[in-house]
């Protein structure tokens, strides 16, 4: 079937599944970018807090637990901040790995879909 100089390629059930999978991966990719941005900001904030803690002369400092501030010994706060930084770094690493995996899957699907549909499909971000 010819239409306006272009050709129509039949979309099979498998093609539709690949297109849907690409869409889901693309959505997850954008969610991951936001989560990675938040994790990086959290890591920077924890690093800033750690640096400020080094500069303080007080033995007891205010530490936020949930929505309240508690007076906690400086050494305990230092260890808690270090634990929080480690946890955030591990989470960030896990998110980066998932992002790389998703990009690889998306590239594979792009190759398959562009191979069949050529210019009839657009999988690029605007």
N, C-alpha and C. Protein backbone atom coordinates (compact mmCIF):
# COMPACT_ATOMS: atom_id res chain seq x y z
N UNK A 1 0.85 -1.18 0.00
CA UNK A 1 0.00 0.00 0.00
C UNK A 1 0.89 1.24 0.00
N UNK A 2 0.79 2.06 -1.03
CA UNK A 2 1.57 3.28 -1.16
C UNK A 2 0.74 4.47 -0.72
N UNK A 3 1.40 5.38 0.00
CA UNK A 3 0.70 6.58 0.45
C UNK A 3 1.69 7.73 0.46
N UNK A 4 1.48 8.72 -0.34
CA UNK A 4 2.29 9.91 -0.32
C UNK A 4 3.78 9.65 -0.50
N UNK A 5 4.16 8.70 -1.32
CA UNK A 5 5.57 8.44 -1.58
C UNK A 5 6.23 7.54 -0.55
N UNK A 6 5.60 7.26 0.57
CA UNK A 6 6.16 6.39 1.60
C UNK A 6 5.53 5.03 1.52
N UNK A 7 6.13 4.06 2.16
CA UNK A 7 5.55 2.72 2.13
C UNK A 7 5.08 2.34 3.51
N UNK A 8 3.99 1.61 3.56
CA UNK A 8 3.43 1.13 4.83
C UNK A 8 3.98 -0.25 5.09
N UNK A 9 4.53 -0.46 6.27
CA UNK A 9 5.00 -1.77 6.67
C UNK A 9 4.02 -2.32 7.68
N UNK A 10 3.64 -3.56 7.51
CA UNK A 10 2.69 -4.17 8.42
C UNK A 10 3.32 -4.32 9.81
N UNK A 11 2.57 -3.93 10.82
CA UNK A 11 3.04 -4.04 12.19
C UNK A 11 2.50 -5.33 12.78
N UNK A 12 3.40 -6.23 13.08
CA UNK A 12 2.99 -7.51 13.64
C UNK A 12 2.82 -7.38 15.15
N UNK A 13 2.28 -8.42 15.75
CA UNK A 13 2.11 -8.44 17.21
C UNK A 13 3.46 -8.31 17.90
N UNK A 14 4.46 -9.01 17.37
CA UNK A 14 5.81 -8.94 17.95
C UNK A 14 6.39 -7.53 17.84
N UNK A 15 6.15 -6.86 16.70
CA UNK A 15 6.62 -5.49 16.54
C UNK A 15 5.98 -4.58 17.57
N UNK A 16 4.68 -4.76 17.77
CA UNK A 16 3.97 -3.94 18.74
C UNK A 16 4.51 -4.17 20.15
N UNK A 17 4.84 -5.43 20.46
CA UNK A 17 5.42 -5.73 21.77
C UNK A 17 6.77 -5.05 21.94
N UNK A 18 7.58 -5.03 20.88
CA UNK A 18 8.88 -4.35 20.93
C UNK A 18 8.71 -2.84 21.11
N UNK A 19 7.73 -2.27 20.42
CA UNK A 19 7.47 -0.83 20.55
C UNK A 19 7.02 -0.51 21.98
N UNK A 20 6.13 -1.33 22.52
CA UNK A 20 5.66 -1.12 23.89
C UNK A 20 6.80 -1.26 24.90
N UNK A 21 7.64 -2.28 24.68
CA UNK A 21 8.78 -2.48 25.58
C UNK A 21 9.72 -1.29 25.52
N UNK A 22 9.96 -0.76 24.33
CA UNK A 22 10.82 0.42 24.19
C UNK A 22 10.22 1.59 24.97
N UNK A 23 8.91 1.78 24.87
CA UNK A 23 8.24 2.87 25.59
C UNK A 23 8.39 2.72 27.10
N UNK A 24 8.22 1.50 27.60
CA UNK A 24 8.37 1.26 29.05
C UNK A 24 9.81 1.51 29.48
N UNK A 25 10.76 1.03 28.68
CA UNK A 25 12.17 1.26 29.01
C UNK A 25 12.51 2.75 29.00
N UNK A 26 11.95 3.46 28.04
CA UNK A 26 12.20 4.90 27.95
C UNK A 26 11.65 5.63 29.17
N UNK A 27 10.45 5.24 29.61
CA UNK A 27 9.88 5.84 30.83
C UNK A 27 10.75 5.55 32.04
N UNK A 28 11.20 4.30 32.18
CA UNK A 28 12.05 3.93 33.31
C UNK A 28 13.39 4.68 33.24
N UNK A 29 13.90 4.87 32.04
CA UNK A 29 15.15 5.61 31.86
C UNK A 29 15.01 7.03 32.43
N UNK A 30 13.89 7.69 32.12
CA UNK A 30 13.69 9.06 32.62
C UNK A 30 13.49 9.07 34.14
N UNK A 31 12.80 8.06 34.67
CA UNK A 31 12.66 7.96 36.13
C UNK A 31 14.02 7.78 36.78
N UNK A 32 14.86 6.94 36.19
CA UNK A 32 16.20 6.70 36.73
C UNK A 32 17.04 7.97 36.71
N UNK A 33 16.92 8.74 35.64
CA UNK A 33 17.68 9.99 35.59
C UNK A 33 17.31 10.90 36.76
N UNK A 34 16.01 10.98 37.07
CA UNK A 34 15.57 11.79 38.21
C UNK A 34 16.09 11.22 39.53
N UNK A 35 16.01 9.89 39.67
CA UNK A 35 16.49 9.25 40.90
C UNK A 35 17.99 9.44 41.07
N UNK A 36 18.74 9.35 39.97
CA UNK A 36 20.19 9.55 40.02
C UNK A 36 20.51 10.98 40.41
N UNK A 37 19.78 11.92 39.85
CA UNK A 37 19.99 13.34 40.20
C UNK A 37 19.75 13.55 41.69
N UNK A 38 18.67 12.98 42.22
CA UNK A 38 18.35 13.11 43.64
C UNK A 38 19.43 12.46 44.51
N UNK A 39 19.90 11.28 44.10
CA UNK A 39 20.94 10.57 44.87
C UNK A 39 22.24 11.37 44.89
N UNK A 40 22.59 11.98 43.76
CA UNK A 40 23.81 12.80 43.71
C UNK A 40 23.69 14.02 44.62
N UNK A 41 22.51 14.64 44.61
CA UNK A 41 22.29 15.79 45.49
C UNK A 41 22.36 15.38 46.95
N UNK A 42 21.79 14.23 47.28
CA UNK A 42 21.84 13.73 48.66
C UNK A 42 23.28 13.46 49.07
N UNK A 43 24.05 12.86 48.17
CA UNK A 43 25.45 12.58 48.45
C UNK A 43 26.22 13.87 48.69
N UNK A 44 25.97 14.89 47.88
CA UNK A 44 26.64 16.18 48.06
C UNK A 44 26.25 16.82 49.39
N UNK A 45 24.96 16.73 49.73
CA UNK A 45 24.50 17.29 51.01
C UNK A 45 25.15 16.59 52.19
N UNK A 46 25.27 15.27 52.11
CA UNK A 46 25.92 14.52 53.18
C UNK A 46 27.40 14.88 53.29
N UNK A 47 28.03 15.08 52.15
CA UNK A 47 29.44 15.48 52.14
C UNK A 47 29.60 16.87 52.78
N UNK A 48 28.68 17.78 52.44
CA UNK A 48 28.71 19.12 53.04
C UNK A 48 28.50 19.04 54.56
N UNK A 49 27.57 18.21 54.97
CA UNK A 49 27.31 18.05 56.41
C UNK A 49 28.53 17.49 57.11
N UNK A 50 29.19 16.54 56.48
CA UNK A 50 30.40 15.95 57.05
C UNK A 50 31.50 17.00 57.19
N UNK A 51 31.65 17.83 56.19
CA UNK A 51 32.66 18.90 56.23
C UNK A 51 32.35 19.92 57.32
N UNK A 52 31.08 20.28 57.46
CA UNK A 52 30.68 21.22 58.50
C UNK A 52 30.91 20.64 59.88
N UNK A 53 30.70 19.34 60.00
CA UNK A 53 30.89 18.67 61.28
C UNK A 53 32.36 18.69 61.70
N UNK A 54 33.24 18.59 60.71
CA UNK A 54 34.68 18.64 60.99
C UNK A 54 35.07 20.01 61.55
N UNK A 55 34.41 21.04 61.05
CA UNK A 55 34.76 22.41 61.46
C UNK A 55 34.22 22.81 62.83
N UNK A 56 33.23 22.10 63.33
CA UNK A 56 32.60 22.49 64.59
C UNK A 56 33.46 22.08 65.79
N UNK A 57 33.38 22.90 66.84
CA UNK A 57 34.13 22.62 68.07
C UNK A 57 33.27 21.96 69.13
N UNK A 58 31.98 21.88 68.88
CA UNK A 58 31.05 21.36 69.87
C UNK A 58 31.14 19.84 69.97
N UNK A 59 30.94 19.32 71.18
CA UNK A 59 30.96 17.88 71.41
C UNK A 59 29.59 17.25 71.15
N UNK A 60 28.53 18.04 71.33
CA UNK A 60 27.17 17.58 71.09
C UNK A 60 26.57 18.48 70.01
N UNK A 61 26.05 17.87 68.96
CA UNK A 61 25.47 18.64 67.86
C UNK A 61 24.03 18.23 67.64
N UNK A 62 23.29 19.09 66.97
CA UNK A 62 21.90 18.78 66.63
C UNK A 62 21.88 17.93 65.38
N UNK A 63 21.14 16.83 65.44
CA UNK A 63 21.05 15.89 64.32
C UNK A 63 19.59 15.63 64.04
N UNK A 64 19.19 15.78 62.78
CA UNK A 64 17.78 15.59 62.44
C UNK A 64 17.47 14.11 62.28
N UNK A 65 16.49 13.67 63.04
CA UNK A 65 15.99 12.31 62.96
C UNK A 65 14.51 12.42 62.62
N UNK A 66 14.18 12.09 61.38
CA UNK A 66 12.79 12.27 60.94
C UNK A 66 12.50 13.76 60.82
N UNK A 67 11.55 14.22 61.62
CA UNK A 67 11.19 15.63 61.58
C UNK A 67 11.66 16.40 62.81
N UNK A 68 12.39 15.75 63.68
CA UNK A 68 12.86 16.40 64.91
C UNK A 68 14.38 16.44 64.95
N UNK A 69 14.88 17.41 65.68
CA UNK A 69 16.32 17.51 65.90
C UNK A 69 16.61 17.00 67.30
N UNK A 70 17.67 16.21 67.40
CA UNK A 70 18.07 15.67 68.70
C UNK A 70 19.53 16.06 68.95
N UNK A 71 19.87 16.22 70.21
CA UNK A 71 21.27 16.49 70.56
C UNK A 71 21.97 15.14 70.65
N UNK A 72 22.98 14.98 69.79
CA UNK A 72 23.67 13.70 69.67
C UNK A 72 25.18 13.98 69.74
N UNK A 73 25.94 13.09 70.39
CA UNK A 73 27.40 13.27 70.42
C UNK A 73 27.98 13.36 69.00
N UNK A 74 28.97 14.21 68.84
CA UNK A 74 29.57 14.48 67.54
C UNK A 74 30.08 13.19 66.87
N UNK A 75 30.71 12.29 67.64
CA UNK A 75 31.25 11.06 67.06
C UNK A 75 30.15 10.18 66.47
N UNK A 76 29.03 10.11 67.17
CA UNK A 76 27.91 9.30 66.67
C UNK A 76 27.35 9.88 65.38
N UNK A 77 27.27 11.21 65.33
CA UNK A 77 26.77 11.87 64.13
C UNK A 77 27.72 11.60 62.96
N UNK A 78 29.02 11.66 63.23
CA UNK A 78 30.00 11.39 62.18
C UNK A 78 29.83 9.98 61.62
N UNK A 79 29.66 9.01 62.51
CA UNK A 79 29.49 7.63 62.04
C UNK A 79 28.17 7.45 61.28
N UNK A 80 27.12 8.11 61.74
CA UNK A 80 25.82 8.01 61.03
C UNK A 80 25.92 8.63 59.64
N UNK A 81 26.60 9.76 59.55
CA UNK A 81 26.74 10.41 58.24
C UNK A 81 27.55 9.52 57.30
N UNK A 82 28.59 8.90 57.80
CA UNK A 82 29.39 8.00 56.96
C UNK A 82 28.55 6.82 56.48
N UNK A 83 27.74 6.26 57.37
CA UNK A 83 26.86 5.15 56.97
C UNK A 83 25.87 5.61 55.91
N UNK A 84 25.32 6.80 56.09
CA UNK A 84 24.36 7.33 55.13
C UNK A 84 25.04 7.58 53.77
N UNK A 85 26.27 8.08 53.79
CA UNK A 85 27.00 8.32 52.54
C UNK A 85 27.28 7.01 51.82
N UNK A 86 27.66 5.97 52.57
CA UNK A 86 27.91 4.66 51.96
C UNK A 86 26.64 4.11 51.32
N UNK A 87 25.53 4.20 52.05
CA UNK A 87 24.26 3.70 51.53
C UNK A 87 23.85 4.46 50.27
N UNK A 88 24.01 5.76 50.29
CA UNK A 88 23.65 6.58 49.13
C UNK A 88 24.54 6.26 47.94
N UNK A 89 25.83 6.06 48.20
CA UNK A 89 26.76 5.73 47.12
C UNK A 89 26.43 4.37 46.50
N UNK A 90 26.09 3.39 47.33
CA UNK A 90 25.72 2.07 46.81
C UNK A 90 24.45 2.17 45.98
N UNK A 91 23.48 2.94 46.47
CA UNK A 91 22.24 3.13 45.73
C UNK A 91 22.51 3.81 44.40
N UNK A 92 23.36 4.82 44.41
CA UNK A 92 23.70 5.54 43.18
C UNK A 92 24.37 4.61 42.18
N UNK A 93 25.25 3.76 42.66
CA UNK A 93 25.94 2.80 41.80
C UNK A 93 24.93 1.83 41.18
N UNK A 94 23.98 1.36 41.98
CA UNK A 94 22.95 0.44 41.50
C UNK A 94 22.08 1.11 40.43
N UNK A 95 21.72 2.37 40.66
CA UNK A 95 20.90 3.11 39.70
C UNK A 95 21.66 3.31 38.38
N UNK A 96 22.95 3.62 38.48
CA UNK A 96 23.76 3.81 37.27
C UNK A 96 23.85 2.52 36.47
N UNK A 97 24.01 1.39 37.16
CA UNK A 97 24.07 0.08 36.48
C UNK A 97 22.75 -0.21 35.77
N UNK A 98 21.63 0.07 36.44
CA UNK A 98 20.32 -0.16 35.83
C UNK A 98 20.14 0.73 34.61
N UNK A 99 20.61 1.97 34.71
CA UNK A 99 20.50 2.91 33.59
C UNK A 99 21.29 2.39 32.39
N UNK A 100 22.50 1.89 32.62
CA UNK A 100 23.32 1.35 31.52
C UNK A 100 22.63 0.15 30.88
N UNK A 101 22.04 -0.72 31.70
CA UNK A 101 21.33 -1.89 31.20
C UNK A 101 20.15 -1.47 30.32
N UNK A 102 19.42 -0.48 30.77
CA UNK A 102 18.26 0.00 30.01
C UNK A 102 18.70 0.62 28.69
N UNK A 103 19.79 1.39 28.72
CA UNK A 103 20.28 2.00 27.48
C UNK A 103 20.68 0.93 26.47
N UNK A 104 21.30 -0.15 26.95
CA UNK A 104 21.69 -1.24 26.05
C UNK A 104 20.46 -1.91 25.44
N UNK A 105 19.43 -2.16 26.26
CA UNK A 105 18.21 -2.77 25.75
C UNK A 105 17.51 -1.86 24.75
N UNK A 106 17.51 -0.55 25.04
CA UNK A 106 16.87 0.40 24.13
C UNK A 106 17.62 0.44 22.79
N UNK A 107 18.94 0.40 22.83
CA UNK A 107 19.73 0.43 21.60
C UNK A 107 19.44 -0.80 20.75
N UNK A 108 19.30 -1.95 21.41
CA UNK A 108 18.99 -3.20 20.70
C UNK A 108 17.61 -3.11 20.03
N UNK A 109 16.63 -2.59 20.79
CA UNK A 109 15.28 -2.45 20.23
C UNK A 109 15.25 -1.43 19.09
N UNK A 110 16.02 -0.34 19.23
CA UNK A 110 16.08 0.66 18.15
C UNK A 110 16.59 0.02 16.87
N UNK A 111 17.64 -0.79 17.01
CA UNK A 111 18.22 -1.45 15.85
C UNK A 111 17.19 -2.34 15.16
N UNK A 112 16.47 -3.11 15.94
CA UNK A 112 15.45 -4.02 15.40
C UNK A 112 14.34 -3.22 14.71
N UNK A 113 13.81 -2.21 15.43
CA UNK A 113 12.67 -1.45 14.92
C UNK A 113 13.04 -0.58 13.72
N UNK A 114 14.19 0.10 13.78
CA UNK A 114 14.60 0.91 12.63
C UNK A 114 14.94 0.00 11.44
N UNK A 115 15.44 -1.21 11.70
CA UNK A 115 15.72 -2.15 10.63
C UNK A 115 14.47 -2.51 9.85
N UNK A 116 13.37 -2.63 10.55
CA UNK A 116 12.13 -3.02 9.88
C UNK A 116 11.36 -1.81 9.35
N UNK A 117 11.24 -0.77 10.17
CA UNK A 117 10.36 0.34 9.81
C UNK A 117 11.08 1.53 9.18
N UNK A 118 12.37 1.56 9.22
CA UNK A 118 13.20 2.63 8.66
C UNK A 118 12.70 4.01 9.11
N UNK A 119 12.30 4.87 8.20
CA UNK A 119 11.88 6.23 8.54
C UNK A 119 10.43 6.30 9.01
N UNK A 120 9.72 5.19 9.01
CA UNK A 120 8.31 5.19 9.39
C UNK A 120 8.12 5.28 10.90
N UNK A 121 9.20 5.12 11.67
CA UNK A 121 9.09 5.16 13.13
C UNK A 121 10.14 6.12 13.67
N UNK A 122 9.77 6.83 14.72
CA UNK A 122 10.70 7.76 15.36
C UNK A 122 10.83 7.36 16.82
N UNK A 123 12.02 6.93 17.22
CA UNK A 123 12.27 6.52 18.59
C UNK A 123 13.19 7.47 19.32
N UNK A 124 13.48 8.61 18.69
CA UNK A 124 14.41 9.59 19.27
C UNK A 124 13.66 10.63 20.09
N UNK A 125 14.36 11.15 21.11
CA UNK A 125 13.79 12.24 21.91
C UNK A 125 13.87 13.52 21.12
N UNK A 126 12.92 14.40 21.31
CA UNK A 126 12.97 15.69 20.61
C UNK A 126 13.64 16.72 21.46
